[in-house]
Amino acid sequence: MEIVKEAQEFLDAKMSGLSTSDRVQLSRDAKRIVLAINEIYKESKDPELMELMKALTLKKKRIDVRLKGKPTD
């Protein structure tokens, strides 16, 4: 379960003072981690994995908002 450890490290990392290229890389890493966990989740249906994916997705969305700006209606 190395991917779970990587996900926890990602969630614990601070996101302040990052450059745009750092944010792009973090967004890509988050997507890669979520997709890897999803493959494990499909087989095990472990609710802890789902919660981990939700937390990663939330952090990824925050990074994406910072990259793209807030949407305007």
PDB file of N, CA and C in Angstrom:
ATOM      1  N   MET A   1       0.830  -1.190   0.000  1.00  0.00           N
ATOM      2  CA  MET A   1       0.000   0.000   0.000  1.00  0.00           C
ATOM      3  C   MET A   1       0.877   1.257   0.000  1.00  0.00           C
ATOM      4  N   GLU A   2       1.847   1.256  -0.874  1.00  0.00           N
ATOM      5  CA  GLU A   2       2.748   2.400  -0.986  1.00  0.00           C
ATOM      6  C   GLU A   2       2.007   3.643  -1.485  1.00  0.00           C
ATOM      7  N   ILE A   3       0.999   3.451  -2.325  1.00  0.00           N
ATOM      8  CA  ILE A   3       0.259   4.586  -2.864  1.00  0.00           C
ATOM      9  C   ILE A   3      -0.520   5.307  -1.768  1.00  0.00           C
ATOM     10  N   VAL A   4      -0.986   4.567  -0.767  1.00  0.00           N
ATOM     11  CA  VAL A   4      -1.713   5.181   0.347  1.00  0.00           C
ATOM     12  C   VAL A   4      -0.761   6.061   1.153  1.00  0.00           C
ATOM     13  N   LYS A   5       0.448   5.586   1.348  1.00  0.00           N
ATOM     14  CA  LYS A   5       1.449   6.380   2.069  1.00  0.00           C
ATOM     15  C   LYS A   5       1.767   7.655   1.283  1.00  0.00           C
ATOM     16  N   GLU A   6       1.885   7.532  -0.026  1.00  0.00           N
ATOM     17  CA  GLU A   6       2.147   8.693  -0.877  1.00  0.00           C
ATOM     18  C   GLU A   6       0.987   9.689  -0.814  1.00  0.00           C
ATOM     19  N   ALA A   7      -0.233   9.171  -0.759  1.00  0.00           N
ATOM     20  CA  ALA A   7      -1.405  10.038  -0.658  1.00  0.00           C
ATOM     21  C   ALA A   7      -1.403  10.801   0.666  1.00  0.00           C
ATOM     22  N   GLN A   8      -1.055  10.130   1.751  1.00  0.00           N
ATOM     23  CA  GLN A   8      -1.001  10.795   3.057  1.00  0.00           C
ATOM     24  C   GLN A   8       0.062  11.894   3.063  1.00  0.00           C
ATOM     25  N   GLU A   9       1.209  11.622   2.464  1.00  0.00           N
ATOM     26  CA  GLU A   9       2.260  12.634   2.374  1.00  0.00           C
ATOM     27  C   GLU A   9       1.780  13.828   1.566  1.00  0.00           C
ATOM     28  N   PHE A  10       1.034  13.564   0.489  1.00  0.00           N
ATOM     29  CA  PHE A  10       0.501  14.647  -0.331  1.00  0.00           C
ATOM     30  C   PHE A  10      -0.474  15.499   0.464  1.00  0.00           C
ATOM     31  N   LEU A  11      -1.339  14.847   1.232  1.00  0.00           N
ATOM     32  CA  LEU A  11      -2.326  15.588   2.020  1.00  0.00           C
ATOM     33  C   LEU A  11      -1.669  16.400   3.138  1.00  0.00           C
ATOM     34  N   ASP A  12      -0.567  15.904   3.684  1.00  0.00           N
ATOM     35  CA  ASP A  12       0.104  16.588   4.784  1.00  0.00           C
ATOM     36  C   ASP A  12       1.025  17.720   4.319  1.00  0.00           C
ATOM     37  N   ALA A  13       1.345  17.764   3.038  1.00  0.00           N
ATOM     38  CA  ALA A  13       2.275  18.760   2.520  1.00  0.00           C
ATOM     39  C   ALA A  13       1.639  20.156   2.546  1.00  0.00           C
ATOM     40  N   LYS A  14       2.471  21.150   2.814  1.00  0.00           N
ATOM     41  CA  LYS A  14       2.005  22.537   2.810  1.00  0.00           C
ATOM     42  C   LYS A  14       1.978  23.050   1.378  1.00  0.00           C
ATOM     43  N   MET A  15       1.024  23.896   1.093  1.00  0.00           N
ATOM     44  CA  MET A  15       0.840  24.383  -0.262  1.00  0.00           C
ATOM     45  C   MET A  15       1.133  25.878  -0.391  1.00  0.00           C
ATOM     46  N   SER A  16       1.793  26.477   0.572  1.00  0.00           N
ATOM     47  CA  SER A  16       2.057  27.910   0.492  1.00  0.00           C
ATOM     48  C   SER A  16       3.400  28.162  -0.172  1.00  0.00           C
ATOM     49  N   GLY A  17       3.488  29.277  -0.871  1.00  0.00           N
ATOM     50  CA  GLY A  17       4.738  29.685  -1.479  1.00  0.00           C
ATOM     51  C   GLY A  17       5.174  28.857  -2.662  1.00  0.00           C
ATOM     52  N   LEU A  18       4.226  28.342  -3.418  1.00  0.00           N
ATOM     53  CA  LEU A  18       4.555  27.498  -4.566  1.00  0.00           C
ATOM     54  C   LEU A  18       4.491  28.301  -5.855  1.00  0.00           C
ATOM     55  N   SER A  19       5.336  27.947  -6.802  1.00  0.00           N
ATOM     56  CA  SER A  19       5.282  28.577  -8.111  1.00  0.00           C
ATOM     57  C   SER A  19       4.168  27.924  -8.938  1.00  0.00           C
ATOM     58  N   THR A  20       3.873  28.518 -10.058  1.00  0.00           N
ATOM     59  CA  THR A  20       2.832  27.976 -10.935  1.00  0.00           C
ATOM     60  C   THR A  20       3.210  26.586 -11.425  1.00  0.00           C
ATOM     61  N   SER A  21       4.462  26.393 -11.786  1.00  0.00           N
ATOM     62  CA  SER A  21       4.871  25.074 -12.275  1.00  0.00           C
ATOM     63  C   SER A  21       4.786  24.028 -11.160  1.00  0.00           C
ATOM     64  N   ASP A  22       5.051  24.428  -9.915  1.00  0.00           N
ATOM     65  CA  ASP A  22       4.892  23.511  -8.788  1.00  0.00           C
ATOM     66  C   ASP A  22       3.435  23.107  -8.631  1.00  0.00           C
ATOM     67  N   ARG A  23       2.539  24.062  -8.775  1.00  0.00           N
ATOM     68  CA  ARG A  23       1.104  23.776  -8.649  1.00  0.00           C
ATOM     69  C   ARG A  23       0.625  22.842  -9.761  1.00  0.00           C
ATOM     70  N   VAL A  24       1.114  23.053 -10.969  1.00  0.00           N
ATOM     71  CA  VAL A  24       0.750  22.180 -12.087  1.00  0.00           C
ATOM     72  C   VAL A  24       1.213  20.761 -11.795  1.00  0.00           C
ATOM     73  N   GLN A  25       2.443  20.624 -11.316  1.00  0.00           N
ATOM     74  CA  GLN A  25       2.980  19.301 -11.006  1.00  0.00           C
ATOM     75  C   GLN A  25       2.184  18.638  -9.882  1.00  0.00           C
ATOM     76  N   LEU A  26       1.815  19.401  -8.850  1.00  0.00           N
ATOM     77  CA  LEU A  26       1.028  18.849  -7.746  1.00  0.00           C
ATOM     78  C   LEU A  26      -0.351  18.403  -8.221  1.00  0.00           C
ATOM     79  N   SER A  27      -0.954  19.172  -9.117  1.00  0.00           N
ATOM     80  CA  SER A  27      -2.261  18.804  -9.652  1.00  0.00           C
ATOM     81  C   SER A  27      -2.174  17.490 -10.428  1.00  0.00           C
ATOM     82  N   ARG A  28      -1.122  17.330 -11.205  1.00  0.00           N
ATOM     83  CA  ARG A  28      -0.934  16.088 -11.970  1.00  0.00           C
ATOM     84  C   ARG A  28      -0.670  14.911 -11.032  1.00  0.00           C
ATOM     85  N   ASP A  29       0.132  15.156  -9.990  1.00  0.00           N
ATOM     86  CA  ASP A  29       0.415  14.096  -9.024  1.00  0.00           C
ATOM     87  C   ASP A  29      -0.862  13.658  -8.310  1.00  0.00           C
ATOM     88  N   ALA A  30      -1.698  14.627  -7.942  1.00  0.00           N
ATOM     89  CA  ALA A  30      -2.951  14.304  -7.262  1.00  0.00           C
ATOM     90  C   ALA A  30      -3.832  13.438  -8.155  1.00  0.00           C
ATOM     91  N   LYS A  31      -3.919  13.795  -9.417  1.00  0.00           N
ATOM     92  CA  LYS A  31      -4.737  13.009 -10.350  1.00  0.00           C
ATOM     93  C   LYS A  31      -4.202  11.583 -10.470  1.00  0.00           C
ATOM     94  N   ARG A  32      -2.882  11.451 -10.580  1.00  0.00           N
ATOM     95  CA  ARG A  32      -2.261  10.135 -10.702  1.00  0.00           C
ATOM     96  C   ARG A  32      -2.534   9.283  -9.460  1.00  0.00           C
ATOM     97  N   ILE A  33      -2.427   9.895  -8.289  1.00  0.00           N
ATOM     98  CA  ILE A  33      -2.651   9.171  -7.038  1.00  0.00           C
ATOM     99  C   ILE A  33      -4.107   8.734  -6.926  1.00  0.00           C
ATOM    100  N   VAL A  34      -5.029   9.638  -7.246  1.00  0.00           N
ATOM    101  CA  VAL A  34      -6.459   9.305  -7.153  1.00  0.00           C
ATOM    102  C   VAL A  34      -6.802   8.161  -8.103  1.00  0.00           C
ATOM    103  N   LEU A  35      -6.269   8.195  -9.310  1.00  0.00           N
ATOM    104  CA  LEU A  35      -6.567   7.122 -10.264  1.00  0.00           C
ATOM    105  C   LEU A  35      -5.981   5.789  -9.804  1.00  0.00           C
ATOM    106  N   ALA A  36      -4.814   5.822  -9.202  1.00  0.00           N
ATOM    107  CA  ALA A  36      -4.202   4.587  -8.700  1.00  0.00           C
ATOM    108  C   ALA A  36      -5.016   4.015  -7.534  1.00  0.00           C
ATOM    109  N   ILE A  37      -5.452   4.891  -6.638  1.00  0.00           N
ATOM    110  CA  ILE A  37      -6.269   4.439  -5.507  1.00  0.00           C
ATOM    111  C   ILE A  37      -7.612   3.915  -6.009  1.00  0.00           C
ATOM    112  N   ASN A  38      -8.145   4.537  -7.044  1.00  0.00           N
ATOM    113  CA  ASN A  38      -9.427   4.107  -7.590  1.00  0.00           C
ATOM    114  C   ASN A  38      -9.353   2.674  -8.108  1.00  0.00           C
ATOM    115  N   GLU A  39      -8.239   2.317  -8.732  1.00  0.00           N
ATOM    116  CA  GLU A  39      -8.078   0.946  -9.219  1.00  0.00           C
ATOM    117  C   GLU A  39      -8.104  -0.047  -8.051  1.00  0.00           C
ATOM    118  N   ILE A  40      -7.482   0.307  -6.946  1.00  0.00           N
ATOM    119  CA  ILE A  40      -7.500  -0.559  -5.761  1.00  0.00           C
ATOM    120  C   ILE A  40      -8.907  -0.601  -5.174  1.00  0.00           C
ATOM    121  N   TYR A  41      -9.566   0.565  -5.153  1.00  0.00           N
ATOM    122  CA  TYR A  41     -10.913   0.653  -4.580  1.00  0.00           C
ATOM    123  C   TYR A  41     -11.911  -0.207  -5.351  1.00  0.00           C
ATOM    124  N   LYS A  42     -11.761  -0.286  -6.663  1.00  0.00           N
ATOM    125  CA  LYS A  42     -12.685  -1.080  -7.474  1.00  0.00           C
ATOM    126  C   LYS A  42     -12.726  -2.532  -7.025  1.00  0.00           C
ATOM    127  N   GLU A  43     -11.589  -3.030  -6.559  1.00  0.00           N
ATOM    128  CA  GLU A  43     -11.517  -4.426  -6.135  1.00  0.00           C
ATOM    129  C   GLU A  43     -11.920  -4.608  -4.679  1.00  0.00           C
ATOM    130  N   SER A  44     -11.504  -3.681  -3.811  1.00  0.00           N
ATOM    131  CA  SER A  44     -11.687  -3.900  -2.370  1.00  0.00           C
ATOM    132  C   SER A  44     -12.942  -3.251  -1.794  1.00  0.00           C
ATOM    133  N   LYS A  45     -13.423  -2.164  -2.405  1.00  0.00           N
ATOM    134  CA  LYS A  45     -14.588  -1.411  -1.905  1.00  0.00           C
ATOM    135  C   LYS A  45     -14.390  -0.949  -0.454  1.00  0.00           C
ATOM    136  N   ASP A  46     -13.144  -0.619  -0.103  1.00  0.00           N
ATOM    137  CA  ASP A  46     -12.805  -0.156   1.242  1.00  0.00           C
ATOM    138  C   ASP A  46     -13.243   1.304   1.399  1.00  0.00           C
ATOM    139  N   PRO A  47     -14.128   1.613   2.357  1.00  0.00           N
ATOM    140  CA  PRO A  47     -14.604   2.992   2.521  1.00  0.00           C
ATOM    141  C   PRO A  47     -13.496   3.975   2.903  1.00  0.00           C
ATOM    142  N   GLU A  48     -12.431   3.503   3.537  1.00  0.00           N
ATOM    143  CA  GLU A  48     -11.313   4.391   3.875  1.00  0.00           C
ATOM    144  C   GLU A  48     -10.623   4.901   2.611  1.00  0.00           C
ATOM    145  N   LEU A  49     -10.539   4.052   1.602  1.00  0.00           N
ATOM    146  CA  LEU A  49      -9.953   4.486   0.339  1.00  0.00           C
ATOM    147  C   LEU A  49     -10.812   5.550  -0.331  1.00  0.00           C
ATOM    148  N   MET A  50     -12.124   5.399  -0.226  1.00  0.00           N
ATOM    149  CA  MET A  50     -13.019   6.411  -0.796  1.00  0.00           C
ATOM    150  C   MET A  50     -12.836   7.753  -0.102  1.00  0.00           C
ATOM    151  N   GLU A  51     -12.723   7.735   1.214  1.00  0.00           N
ATOM    152  CA  GLU A  51     -12.513   8.976   1.961  1.00  0.00           C
ATOM    153  C   GLU A  51     -11.179   9.618   1.584  1.00  0.00           C
ATOM    154  N   LEU A  52     -10.171   8.800   1.371  1.00  0.00           N
ATOM    155  CA  LEU A  52      -8.862   9.301   0.968  1.00  0.00           C
ATOM    156  C   LEU A  52      -8.942   9.949  -0.411  1.00  0.00           C
ATOM    157  N   MET A  53      -9.667   9.321  -1.322  1.00  0.00           N
ATOM    158  CA  MET A  53      -9.839   9.897  -2.659  1.00  0.00           C
ATOM    159  C   MET A  53     -10.599  11.215  -2.591  1.00  0.00           C
ATOM    160  N   LYS A  54     -11.603  11.305  -1.728  1.00  0.00           N
ATOM    161  CA  LYS A  54     -12.359  12.544  -1.577  1.00  0.00           C
ATOM    162  C   LYS A  54     -11.467  13.669  -1.064  1.00  0.00           C
ATOM    163  N   ALA A  55     -10.632  13.365  -0.093  1.00  0.00           N
ATOM    164  CA  ALA A  55      -9.729  14.374   0.467  1.00  0.00           C
ATOM    165  C   ALA A  55      -8.715  14.835  -0.584  1.00  0.00           C
ATOM    166  N   LEU A  56      -8.190  13.900  -1.354  1.00  0.00           N
ATOM    167  CA  LEU A  56      -7.243  14.253  -2.413  1.00  0.00           C
ATOM    168  C   LEU A  56      -7.902  15.119  -3.481  1.00  0.00           C
ATOM    169  N   THR A  57      -9.128  14.770  -3.835  1.00  0.00           N
ATOM    170  CA  THR A  57      -9.856  15.529  -4.847  1.00  0.00           C
ATOM    171  C   THR A  57     -10.123  16.948  -4.371  1.00  0.00           C
ATOM    172  N   LEU A  58     -10.459  17.098  -3.102  1.00  0.00           N
ATOM    173  CA  LEU A  58     -10.705  18.428  -2.555  1.00  0.00           C
ATOM    174  C   LEU A  58      -9.442  19.281  -2.610  1.00  0.00           C
ATOM    175  N   LYS A  59      -8.311  18.702  -2.238  1.00  0.00           N
ATOM    176  CA  LYS A  59      -7.054  19.442  -2.268  1.00  0.00           C
ATOM    177  C   LYS A  59      -6.672  19.774  -3.714  1.00  0.00           C
ATOM    178  N   LYS A  60      -6.918  18.845  -4.633  1.00  0.00           N
ATOM    179  CA  LYS A  60      -6.636  19.089  -6.039  1.00  0.00           C
ATOM    180  C   LYS A  60      -7.490  20.231  -6.568  1.00  0.00           C
ATOM    181  N   LYS A  61      -8.752  20.271  -6.173  1.00  0.00           N
ATOM    182  CA  LYS A  61      -9.632  21.354  -6.620  1.00  0.00           C
ATOM    183  C   LYS A  61      -9.132  22.700  -6.129  1.00  0.00           C
ATOM    184  N   ARG A  62      -8.640  22.747  -4.905  1.00  0.00           N
ATOM    185  CA  ARG A  62      -8.086  23.996  -4.367  1.00  0.00           C
ATOM    186  C   ARG A  62      -6.873  24.442  -5.167  1.00  0.00           C
ATOM    187  N   ILE A  63      -6.028  23.500  -5.537  1.00  0.00           N
ATOM    188  CA  ILE A  63      -4.857  23.825  -6.352  1.00  0.00           C
ATOM    189  C   ILE A  63      -5.300  24.327  -7.723  1.00  0.00           C
ATOM    190  N   ASP A  64      -6.294  23.657  -8.319  1.00  0.00           N
ATOM    191  CA  ASP A  64      -6.775  24.045  -9.646  1.00  0.00           C
ATOM    192  C   ASP A  64      -7.403  25.430  -9.635  1.00  0.00           C
ATOM    193  N   VAL A  65      -8.134  25.762  -8.577  1.00  0.00           N
ATOM    194  CA  VAL A  65      -8.731  27.093  -8.468  1.00  0.00           C
ATOM    195  C   VAL A  65      -7.623  28.139  -8.427  1.00  0.00           C
ATOM    196  N   ARG A  66      -6.577  27.839  -7.712  1.00  0.00           N
ATOM    197  CA  ARG A  66      -5.451  28.758  -7.614  1.00  0.00           C
ATOM    198  C   ARG A  66      -4.761  28.925  -8.969  1.00  0.00           C
ATOM    199  N   LEU A  67      -4.739  27.870  -9.765  1.00  0.00           N
ATOM    200  CA  LEU A  67      -4.118  27.934 -11.086  1.00  0.00           C
ATOM    201  C   LEU A  67      -4.982  28.686 -12.095  1.00  0.00           C
ATOM    202  N   LYS A  68      -6.258  28.345 -12.129  1.00  0.00           N
ATOM    203  CA  LYS A  68      -7.150  28.860 -13.163  1.00  0.00           C
ATOM    204  C   LYS A  68      -7.922  30.104 -12.742  1.00  0.00           C
ATOM    205  N   GLY A  69      -7.984  30.372 -11.460  1.00  0.00           N
ATOM    206  CA  GLY A  69      -8.780  31.480 -10.978  1.00  0.00           C
ATOM    207  C   GLY A  69     -10.199  31.013 -10.676  1.00  0.00           C
ATOM    208  N   LYS A  70     -10.904  31.795  -9.909  1.00  0.00           N
ATOM    209  CA  LYS A  70     -12.285  31.436  -9.559  1.00  0.00           C
ATOM    210  C   LYS A  70     -13.186  31.635 -10.762  1.00  0.00           C
ATOM    211  N   PRO A  71     -14.109  30.702 -10.990  1.00  0.00           N
ATOM    212  CA  PRO A  71     -15.024  30.855 -12.130  1.00  0.00           C
ATOM    213  C   PRO A  71     -15.998  32.005 -11.898  1.00  0.00           C
ATOM    214  N   THR A  72     -16.291  32.719 -12.959  1.00  0.00           N
ATOM    215  CA  THR A  72     -17.263  33.812 -12.873  1.00  0.00           C
ATOM    216  C   THR A  72     -18.478  33.453 -13.704  1.00  0.00           C
ATOM    217  N   ASP A  73     -19.627  33.865 -13.231  1.00  0.00           N
ATOM    218  CA  ASP A  73     -20.871  33.552 -13.951  1.00  0.00           C
ATOM    219  C   ASP A  73     -21.287  34.676 -14.846  1.00  0.00           C
TER     220      ASP A  73
END
